[in-house]
Amino acid sequence: MAEHKHGDMNTEVQEKTYVGFINFTKWSVIAILGLLVFLALFNS
């Protein structure tokens, strides 16, 4: 087996994926809240 060195792994791809997930979640929550406010205001 190959030797493992702690902290040597390249995590750039994982970090970009995480940031994308956080941004997607943030904008999804904002859109859902906006939709709920719209429905509440216009009694839909």
PDB file of N, CA and C in Angstrom:
ATOM      1  N   MET A   1       0.837  -1.191   0.000  1.00  0.00           N
ATOM      2  CA  MET A   1       0.000   0.000   0.000  1.00  0.00           C
ATOM      3  C   MET A   1       0.875   1.245   0.000  1.00  0.00           C
ATOM      4  N   ALA A   2       0.305   2.307  -0.505  1.00  0.00           N
ATOM      5  CA  ALA A   2       1.030   3.577  -0.533  1.00  0.00           C
ATOM      6  C   ALA A   2       1.028   4.213   0.848  1.00  0.00           C
ATOM      7  N   GLU A   3       2.070   4.958   1.111  1.00  0.00           N
ATOM      8  CA  GLU A   3       2.163   5.670   2.384  1.00  0.00           C
ATOM      9  C   GLU A   3       1.193   6.851   2.373  1.00  0.00           C
ATOM     10  N   HIS A   4       0.538   7.081   3.484  1.00  0.00           N
ATOM     11  CA  HIS A   4      -0.399   8.203   3.629  1.00  0.00           C
ATOM     12  C   HIS A   4       0.235   9.282   4.487  1.00  0.00           C
ATOM     13  N   LYS A   5       0.229  10.509   3.961  1.00  0.00           N
ATOM     14  CA  LYS A   5       0.727  11.650   4.713  1.00  0.00           C
ATOM     15  C   LYS A   5      -0.463  12.529   5.068  1.00  0.00           C
ATOM     16  N   HIS A   6      -0.674  12.735   6.353  1.00  0.00           N
ATOM     17  CA  HIS A   6      -1.804  13.519   6.819  1.00  0.00           C
ATOM     18  C   HIS A   6      -1.717  14.960   6.300  1.00  0.00           C
ATOM     19  N   GLY A   7      -2.820  15.460   5.718  1.00  0.00           N
ATOM     20  CA  GLY A   7      -2.870  16.833   5.227  1.00  0.00           C
ATOM     21  C   GLY A   7      -2.283  17.026   3.853  1.00  0.00           C
ATOM     22  N   ASP A   8      -1.992  15.946   3.135  1.00  0.00           N
ATOM     23  CA  ASP A   8      -1.334  16.040   1.837  1.00  0.00           C
ATOM     24  C   ASP A   8      -2.322  15.966   0.675  1.00  0.00           C
ATOM     25  N   MET A   9      -3.591  15.691   0.955  1.00  0.00           N
ATOM     26  CA  MET A   9      -4.574  15.505  -0.104  1.00  0.00           C
ATOM     27  C   MET A   9      -5.005  16.839  -0.707  1.00  0.00           C
ATOM     28  N   ASN A  10      -5.176  16.865  -2.029  1.00  0.00           N
ATOM     29  CA  ASN A  10      -5.661  18.056  -2.710  1.00  0.00           C
ATOM     30  C   ASN A  10      -7.187  18.087  -2.580  1.00  0.00           C
ATOM     31  N   THR A  11      -7.717  19.088  -1.888  1.00  0.00           N
ATOM     32  CA  THR A  11      -9.163  19.167  -1.643  1.00  0.00           C
ATOM     33  C   THR A  11      -9.828  20.290  -2.432  1.00  0.00           C
ATOM     34  N   GLU A  12      -9.176  20.776  -3.460  1.00  0.00           N
ATOM     35  CA  GLU A  12      -9.712  21.910  -4.220  1.00  0.00           C
ATOM     36  C   GLU A  12     -11.068  21.580  -4.838  1.00  0.00           C
ATOM     37  N   VAL A  13     -11.213  20.405  -5.410  1.00  0.00           N
ATOM     38  CA  VAL A  13     -12.472  20.017  -6.048  1.00  0.00           C
ATOM     39  C   VAL A  13     -13.584  19.886  -5.002  1.00  0.00           C
ATOM     40  N   GLN A  14     -13.269  19.284  -3.868  1.00  0.00           N
ATOM     41  CA  GLN A  14     -14.274  19.136  -2.811  1.00  0.00           C
ATOM     42  C   GLN A  14     -14.715  20.497  -2.278  1.00  0.00           C
ATOM     43  N   GLU A  15     -13.775  21.422  -2.139  1.00  0.00           N
ATOM     44  CA  GLU A  15     -14.102  22.757  -1.639  1.00  0.00           C
ATOM     45  C   GLU A  15     -15.001  23.506  -2.620  1.00  0.00           C
ATOM     46  N   LYS A  16     -14.731  23.386  -3.923  1.00  0.00           N
ATOM     47  CA  LYS A  16     -15.578  24.030  -4.931  1.00  0.00           C
ATOM     48  C   LYS A  16     -16.975  23.427  -4.928  1.00  0.00           C
ATOM     49  N   THR A  17     -17.072  22.115  -4.763  1.00  0.00           N
ATOM     50  CA  THR A  17     -18.368  21.447  -4.703  1.00  0.00           C
ATOM     51  C   THR A  17     -19.147  21.917  -3.486  1.00  0.00           C
ATOM     52  N   TYR A  18     -18.481  22.030  -2.349  1.00  0.00           N
ATOM     53  CA  TYR A  18     -19.127  22.483  -1.111  1.00  0.00           C
ATOM     54  C   TYR A  18     -19.649  23.906  -1.264  1.00  0.00           C
ATOM     55  N   VAL A  19     -18.837  24.788  -1.827  1.00  0.00           N
ATOM     56  CA  VAL A  19     -19.254  26.182  -2.020  1.00  0.00           C
ATOM     57  C   VAL A  19     -20.457  26.236  -2.965  1.00  0.00           C
ATOM     58  N   GLY A  20     -20.437  25.428  -4.011  1.00  0.00           N
ATOM     59  CA  GLY A  20     -21.570  25.377  -4.934  1.00  0.00           C
ATOM     60  C   GLY A  20     -22.831  24.889  -4.243  1.00  0.00           C
ATOM     61  N   PHE A  21     -22.699  23.871  -3.407  1.00  0.00           N
ATOM     62  CA  PHE A  21     -23.843  23.351  -2.668  1.00  0.00           C
ATOM     63  C   PHE A  21     -24.412  24.398  -1.721  1.00  0.00           C
ATOM     64  N   ILE A  22     -23.545  25.107  -1.016  1.00  0.00           N
ATOM     65  CA  ILE A  22     -23.992  26.142  -0.084  1.00  0.00           C
ATOM     66  C   ILE A  22     -24.712  27.266  -0.836  1.00  0.00           C
ATOM     67  N   ASN A  23     -24.156  27.687  -1.960  1.00  0.00           N
ATOM     68  CA  ASN A  23     -24.802  28.740  -2.749  1.00  0.00           C
ATOM     69  C   ASN A  23     -26.152  28.284  -3.286  1.00  0.00           C
ATOM     70  N   PHE A  24     -26.229  27.047  -3.776  1.00  0.00           N
ATOM     71  CA  PHE A  24     -27.494  26.514  -4.277  1.00  0.00           C
ATOM     72  C   PHE A  24     -28.535  26.470  -3.162  1.00  0.00           C
ATOM     73  N   THR A  25     -28.139  26.017  -1.993  1.00  0.00           N
ATOM     74  CA  THR A  25     -29.054  25.934  -0.857  1.00  0.00           C
ATOM     75  C   THR A  25     -29.520  27.319  -0.433  1.00  0.00           C
ATOM     76  N   LYS A  26     -28.602  28.267  -0.374  1.00  0.00           N
ATOM     77  CA  LYS A  26     -28.942  29.633   0.026  1.00  0.00           C
ATOM     78  C   LYS A  26     -29.973  30.235  -0.919  1.00  0.00           C
ATOM     79  N   TRP A  27     -29.730  30.147  -2.233  1.00  0.00           N
ATOM     80  CA  TRP A  27     -30.638  30.745  -3.197  1.00  0.00           C
ATOM     81  C   TRP A  27     -31.958  29.992  -3.274  1.00  0.00           C
ATOM     82  N   SER A  28     -31.945  28.703  -3.020  1.00  0.00           N
ATOM     83  CA  SER A  28     -33.196  27.935  -2.982  1.00  0.00           C
ATOM     84  C   SER A  28     -34.069  28.387  -1.817  1.00  0.00           C
ATOM     85  N   VAL A  29     -33.471  28.577  -0.654  1.00  0.00           N
ATOM     86  CA  VAL A  29     -34.222  29.036   0.520  1.00  0.00           C
ATOM     87  C   VAL A  29     -34.770  30.431   0.273  1.00  0.00           C
ATOM     88  N   ILE A  30     -33.972  31.305  -0.313  1.00  0.00           N
ATOM     89  CA  ILE A  30     -34.434  32.663  -0.614  1.00  0.00           C
ATOM     90  C   ILE A  30     -35.614  32.623  -1.580  1.00  0.00           C
ATOM     91  N   ALA A  31     -35.537  31.788  -2.612  1.00  0.00           N
ATOM     92  CA  ALA A  31     -36.620  31.680  -3.594  1.00  0.00           C
ATOM     93  C   ALA A  31     -37.887  31.121  -2.946  1.00  0.00           C
ATOM     94  N   ILE A  32     -37.752  30.116  -2.109  1.00  0.00           N
ATOM     95  CA  ILE A  32     -38.914  29.525  -1.444  1.00  0.00           C
ATOM     96  C   ILE A  32     -39.563  30.534  -0.502  1.00  0.00           C
ATOM     97  N   LEU A  33     -38.757  31.261   0.255  1.00  0.00           N
ATOM     98  CA  LEU A  33     -39.309  32.286   1.144  1.00  0.00           C
ATOM     99  C   LEU A  33     -40.009  33.385   0.350  1.00  0.00           C
ATOM    100  N   GLY A  34     -39.422  33.775  -0.763  1.00  0.00           N
ATOM    101  CA  GLY A  34     -40.061  34.777  -1.626  1.00  0.00           C
ATOM    102  C   GLY A  34     -41.394  34.284  -2.162  1.00  0.00           C
ATOM    103  N   LEU A  35     -41.439  33.026  -2.555  1.00  0.00           N
ATOM    104  CA  LEU A  35     -42.686  32.442  -3.042  1.00  0.00           C
ATOM    105  C   LEU A  35     -43.739  32.396  -1.936  1.00  0.00           C
ATOM    106  N   LEU A  36     -43.339  32.031  -0.732  1.00  0.00           N
ATOM    107  CA  LEU A  36     -44.284  31.995   0.383  1.00  0.00           C
ATOM    108  C   LEU A  36     -44.820  33.380   0.715  1.00  0.00           C
ATOM    109  N   VAL A  37     -43.964  34.388   0.679  1.00  0.00           N
ATOM    110  CA  VAL A  37     -44.409  35.768   0.915  1.00  0.00           C
ATOM    111  C   VAL A  37     -45.380  36.198  -0.173  1.00  0.00           C
ATOM    112  N   PHE A  38     -45.066  35.886  -1.406  1.00  0.00           N
ATOM    113  CA  PHE A  38     -45.956  36.218  -2.527  1.00  0.00           C
ATOM    114  C   PHE A  38     -47.323  35.564  -2.349  1.00  0.00           C
ATOM    115  N   LEU A  39     -47.328  34.290  -1.990  1.00  0.00           N
ATOM    116  CA  LEU A  39     -48.601  33.591  -1.797  1.00  0.00           C
ATOM    117  C   LEU A  39     -49.378  34.163  -0.617  1.00  0.00           C
ATOM    118  N   ALA A  40     -48.678  34.549   0.435  1.00  0.00           N
ATOM    119  CA  ALA A  40     -49.349  35.117   1.600  1.00  0.00           C
ATOM    120  C   ALA A  40     -49.950  36.493   1.282  1.00  0.00           C
ATOM    121  N   LEU A  41     -49.260  37.298   0.499  1.00  0.00           N
ATOM    122  CA  LEU A  41     -49.734  38.634   0.175  1.00  0.00           C
ATOM    123  C   LEU A  41     -50.946  38.627  -0.748  1.00  0.00           C
ATOM    124  N   PHE A  42     -50.990  37.683  -1.659  1.00  0.00           N
ATOM    125  CA  PHE A  42     -52.056  37.660  -2.669  1.00  0.00           C
ATOM    126  C   PHE A  42     -53.076  36.558  -2.392  1.00  0.00           C
ATOM    127  N   ASN A  43     -53.073  36.004  -1.197  1.00  0.00           N
ATOM    128  CA  ASN A  43     -54.072  35.009  -0.764  1.00  0.00           C
ATOM    129  C   ASN A  43     -54.297  33.898  -1.784  1.00  0.00           C
ATOM    130  N   SER A  44     -53.227  33.349  -2.306  1.00  0.00           N
ATOM    131  CA  SER A  44     -53.350  32.308  -3.324  1.00  0.00           C
ATOM    132  C   SER A  44     -53.622  30.970  -2.733  1.00  0.00           C
TER     133      SER A  44
END
